[in-house]
Protein backbone atom coordinates (compact mmCIF):
# COMPACT_ATOMS: atom_id res chain seq x y z
CA MET A 1 19.58 -2.96 -19.28
CA ASP A 2 17.88 0.50 -19.30
CA PHE A 3 19.82 3.67 -18.55
CA GLN A 4 18.68 7.16 -17.46
CA VAL A 5 20.71 10.02 -18.76
CA VAL A 6 21.45 13.13 -16.86
CA VAL A 7 22.09 16.29 -19.21
CA LEU A 8 23.57 19.44 -17.60
CA ALA A 9 22.28 22.24 -19.59
CA GLY A 10 23.08 25.33 -17.81
CA GLY A 11 21.06 28.33 -17.81
CA THR A 12 21.77 31.90 -18.48
CA CYS A 13 25.14 33.74 -18.02
CA LYS A 14 25.91 37.42 -17.82
CA LYS A 15 29.40 36.85 -19.64
CA LEU A 16 27.18 35.68 -22.67
CA LEU A 17 25.14 38.97 -22.90
CA PRO A 18 23.62 39.88 -25.30
CA LEU A 19 23.52 36.04 -26.83
CA VAL A 20 21.70 34.89 -23.94
CA SER A 21 18.43 36.24 -22.34
CA LYS A 22 15.41 35.11 -20.43
CA ASP A 23 14.06 33.79 -23.73
CA VAL A 24 17.37 32.19 -25.02
CA PRO A 25 19.32 30.24 -22.36
CA LYS A 26 22.72 29.04 -23.24
CA ALA A 27 21.40 25.35 -24.15
CA LEU A 28 19.37 26.99 -27.00
CA LEU A 29 22.13 29.09 -28.52
CA PRO A 30 22.48 28.44 -32.26
CA VAL A 31 25.37 26.63 -33.64
CA ALA A 32 25.31 26.24 -37.16
CA ASN A 33 21.55 27.27 -37.05
CA ARG A 34 20.57 24.62 -34.43
CA PRO A 35 20.50 24.79 -30.68
CA VAL A 36 23.70 23.58 -29.18
CA LEU A 37 21.52 21.18 -26.98
CA SER A 38 20.15 19.52 -30.15
CA TYR A 39 23.55 18.04 -30.85
CA VAL A 40 23.69 16.23 -27.45
CA LEU A 41 19.98 15.13 -27.71
CA GLU A 42 20.49 13.80 -31.16
CA GLN A 43 23.39 11.74 -30.48
CA LEU A 44 21.70 10.19 -27.32
CA GLU A 45 18.69 9.37 -29.42
CA LEU A 46 21.16 7.62 -32.07
CA SER A 47 22.55 5.71 -29.27
CA ASN A 48 19.10 4.61 -28.17
CA LEU A 49 19.27 6.26 -24.89
CA LYS A 50 15.85 7.97 -24.70
CA ASP A 51 15.08 8.40 -21.20
CA LEU A 52 16.49 11.72 -20.11
CA ILE A 53 16.82 14.23 -17.13
CA VAL A 54 17.59 17.66 -18.30
CA VAL A 55 19.02 19.87 -15.64
CA VAL A 56 18.63 23.54 -16.09
CA GLU A 57 19.53 26.48 -14.17
CA GLY A 58 16.53 28.60 -13.20
CA GLU A 59 12.73 28.28 -13.83
CA ASP A 60 12.65 30.60 -16.63
CA ALA A 61 15.54 28.83 -18.54
CA ALA A 62 13.92 25.37 -17.65
CA LEU A 63 10.49 26.64 -19.27
CA CYS A 64 12.36 27.52 -22.24
CA VAL A 65 14.33 24.64 -22.77
CA GLY A 66 11.40 22.20 -21.74
CA GLY A 67 9.08 23.96 -24.24
CA TRP A 68 11.73 23.64 -27.05
CA ILE A 69 12.36 19.91 -26.22
CA SER A 70 8.47 19.34 -26.21
CA ASN A 71 8.27 20.77 -29.77
CA ALA A 72 11.32 19.36 -31.23
CA TYR A 73 11.33 15.76 -29.88
CA VAL A 74 7.71 14.86 -29.29
CA ASP A 75 7.07 11.11 -29.43
CA ARG A 76 10.98 10.67 -29.80
CA LEU A 77 12.62 11.12 -26.42
CA HIS A 78 11.20 10.91 -22.63
CA VAL A 79 12.58 14.22 -21.17
CA LYS A 80 11.99 15.46 -17.74
CA VAL A 81 13.45 19.10 -17.33
CA ILE A 82 14.39 19.78 -13.78
CA PRO A 83 15.28 23.52 -12.85
CA VAL A 84 17.72 24.03 -10.15
CA THR A 85 18.82 27.12 -8.23
CA TRP A 86 22.14 27.63 -6.59
CA THR A 87 22.37 28.50 -3.04
CA TYR A 88 25.68 30.15 -1.77
CA VAL A 89 26.28 29.56 1.90
CA ASN A 90 28.56 31.81 3.80
CA CYS A 91 30.44 29.32 5.86
CA CYS A 92 33.65 27.22 5.70
CA LEU A 93 32.07 24.33 3.74
CA GLY A 94 31.58 26.47 0.78
CA VAL A 95 28.98 26.06 -2.02
CA TYR A 96 25.65 24.04 -1.80
CA LEU A 97 23.38 23.06 -4.69
CA ASN A 98 19.78 23.18 -3.53
CA ALA A 99 17.74 20.90 -6.13
CA ASP A 100 14.51 19.48 -5.89
CA PHE A 101 14.70 15.92 -7.19
CA ALA A 102 11.75 14.56 -5.42
CA ASN A 103 9.66 14.30 -8.56
CA VAL A 104 12.37 12.66 -10.59
């Protein structure tokens, strides 16, 4: 049976300034000289789970994460990076996620 994994990779966060920026989203912050996302992707690869969707908040962050994955895991993982945006709706139902998964 083939599985497809969804990894939630965040985006940028004002609380982590100046560590995060337009060029370095949370998923690419270094931990022990490696992007934190690399630990997750490495474990998935070792588990033979190689068909991944990485969800990233914001277009800029998605481009950075997608570029890094393309370079670091070329021909090793099949990864689709999906940017999402949060839309806050001022009504009694609360918060909605507006994501385009049509191309998944």
